[in-house]
């Protein structure tokens, strides 16, 4: 088990793939987006 194993975290990193062992990190919405939406609503 190691870099060649498709089912391990190290193997996923080596192959550059994602799955149960190495899920993708979801980006959180930025604070700037929330502020700009609020300011546009006030401007109308």
N, C-alpha and C. Protein backbone atom coordinates (compact mmCIF):
# COMPACT_ATOMS: atom_id res chain seq x y z
N UNK A 1 0.83 -1.18 0.00
CA UNK A 1 0.00 0.00 0.00
C UNK A 1 0.88 1.24 0.00
N UNK A 2 0.46 2.20 -0.79
CA UNK A 2 1.24 3.43 -0.87
C UNK A 2 0.80 4.26 -2.04
N UNK A 3 1.80 4.76 -2.77
CA UNK A 3 1.50 5.66 -3.88
C UNK A 3 0.73 4.97 -5.02
N UNK A 4 0.91 3.70 -5.18
CA UNK A 4 0.25 2.99 -6.28
C UNK A 4 -1.17 2.55 -5.96
N UNK A 5 -1.57 2.63 -4.69
CA UNK A 5 -2.87 2.14 -4.27
C UNK A 5 -3.94 3.20 -4.50
N UNK A 6 -4.94 2.88 -5.31
CA UNK A 6 -5.99 3.83 -5.66
C UNK A 6 -6.88 4.20 -4.47
N UNK A 7 -6.94 3.33 -3.47
CA UNK A 7 -7.88 3.52 -2.37
C UNK A 7 -7.32 4.29 -1.17
N UNK A 8 -6.03 4.59 -1.18
CA UNK A 8 -5.44 5.30 -0.05
C UNK A 8 -5.31 6.78 -0.34
N UNK A 9 -5.22 7.57 0.72
CA UNK A 9 -5.07 9.02 0.57
C UNK A 9 -3.78 9.35 -0.19
N UNK A 10 -2.71 8.63 0.12
CA UNK A 10 -1.42 8.88 -0.55
C UNK A 10 -1.51 8.55 -2.04
N UNK A 11 -2.23 7.49 -2.37
CA UNK A 11 -2.43 7.12 -3.76
C UNK A 11 -3.25 8.15 -4.52
N UNK A 12 -4.26 8.72 -3.86
CA UNK A 12 -5.09 9.76 -4.48
C UNK A 12 -4.26 11.00 -4.75
N UNK A 13 -3.40 11.37 -3.79
CA UNK A 13 -2.54 12.54 -3.97
C UNK A 13 -1.59 12.29 -5.14
N UNK A 14 -1.01 11.10 -5.21
CA UNK A 14 -0.07 10.75 -6.28
C UNK A 14 -0.74 10.82 -7.65
N UNK A 15 -1.96 10.33 -7.76
CA UNK A 15 -2.68 10.32 -9.03
C UNK A 15 -3.34 11.67 -9.34
N UNK A 16 -3.56 12.48 -8.29
CA UNK A 16 -4.21 13.77 -8.48
C UNK A 16 -5.71 13.64 -8.61
N UNK A 17 -6.29 12.63 -7.96
CA UNK A 17 -7.72 12.42 -8.03
C UNK A 17 -8.35 12.63 -6.65
N UNK A 18 -9.68 12.63 -6.63
CA UNK A 18 -10.41 12.83 -5.39
C UNK A 18 -11.36 11.66 -5.17
N UNK A 19 -11.86 11.53 -3.94
CA UNK A 19 -12.78 10.46 -3.61
C UNK A 19 -13.15 10.51 -2.14
N UNK A 20 -13.57 9.38 -1.60
CA UNK A 20 -13.98 9.31 -0.19
C UNK A 20 -12.79 9.59 0.72
N UNK A 21 -11.64 9.04 0.37
CA UNK A 21 -10.44 9.20 1.21
C UNK A 21 -9.85 10.60 1.13
N UNK A 22 -10.10 11.30 0.01
CA UNK A 22 -9.55 12.65 -0.18
C UNK A 22 -10.60 13.52 -0.85
N UNK A 23 -11.56 14.02 -0.06
CA UNK A 23 -12.61 14.85 -0.65
C UNK A 23 -12.08 16.21 -1.08
N UNK A 24 -12.77 16.83 -2.00
CA UNK A 24 -12.39 18.16 -2.47
C UNK A 24 -12.76 19.19 -1.41
N UNK A 25 -11.96 20.22 -1.29
CA UNK A 25 -12.23 21.29 -0.34
C UNK A 25 -13.14 22.30 -1.05
N UNK A 26 -14.32 22.50 -0.48
CA UNK A 26 -15.29 23.44 -1.07
C UNK A 26 -14.95 24.85 -0.62
N UNK A 27 -14.98 25.78 -1.58
CA UNK A 27 -14.68 27.17 -1.26
C UNK A 27 -15.88 27.82 -0.60
N UNK A 28 -15.62 28.56 0.48
CA UNK A 28 -16.68 29.28 1.17
C UNK A 28 -16.93 30.59 0.43
N UNK A 29 -18.17 31.05 0.37
CA UNK A 29 -18.42 32.34 -0.28
C UNK A 29 -17.70 33.46 0.46
N UNK A 30 -17.08 34.36 -0.28
CA UNK A 30 -16.28 35.40 0.33
C UNK A 30 -17.17 36.44 1.00
N UNK A 31 -16.60 37.16 1.94
CA UNK A 31 -17.32 38.20 2.67
C UNK A 31 -17.64 39.37 1.74
N UNK A 32 -16.75 39.63 0.76
CA UNK A 32 -16.94 40.74 -0.16
C UNK A 32 -18.23 40.59 -0.95
N UNK A 33 -18.57 39.37 -1.34
CA UNK A 33 -19.79 39.13 -2.11
C UNK A 33 -21.02 39.52 -1.31
N UNK A 34 -21.04 39.16 -0.03
CA UNK A 34 -22.18 39.47 0.82
C UNK A 34 -22.33 40.98 1.01
N UNK A 35 -21.22 41.69 1.17
CA UNK A 35 -21.26 43.13 1.40
C UNK A 35 -21.72 43.84 0.13
N UNK A 36 -21.19 43.45 -1.02
CA UNK A 36 -21.54 44.12 -2.27
C UNK A 36 -23.01 43.92 -2.62
N UNK A 37 -23.56 42.74 -2.33
CA UNK A 37 -24.97 42.47 -2.58
C UNK A 37 -25.83 43.37 -1.70
N UNK A 38 -25.45 43.51 -0.43
CA UNK A 38 -26.20 44.35 0.50
C UNK A 38 -26.15 45.82 0.10
N UNK A 39 -25.01 46.31 -0.35
CA UNK A 39 -24.90 47.71 -0.72
C UNK A 39 -25.69 48.03 -1.98
N UNK A 40 -25.78 47.08 -2.91
CA UNK A 40 -26.57 47.29 -4.12
C UNK A 40 -28.05 47.38 -3.78
N UNK A 41 -28.49 46.59 -2.83
CA UNK A 41 -29.91 46.60 -2.43
C UNK A 41 -30.27 47.94 -1.78
N UNK A 42 -29.34 48.50 -1.01
CA UNK A 42 -29.58 49.77 -0.36
C UNK A 42 -29.58 50.92 -1.35
N UNK A 43 -28.78 50.82 -2.42
CA UNK A 43 -28.64 51.89 -3.39
C UNK A 43 -29.92 52.06 -4.23
N UNK A 44 -30.71 51.01 -4.37
CA UNK A 44 -31.91 51.10 -5.23
C UNK A 44 -33.00 51.91 -4.62
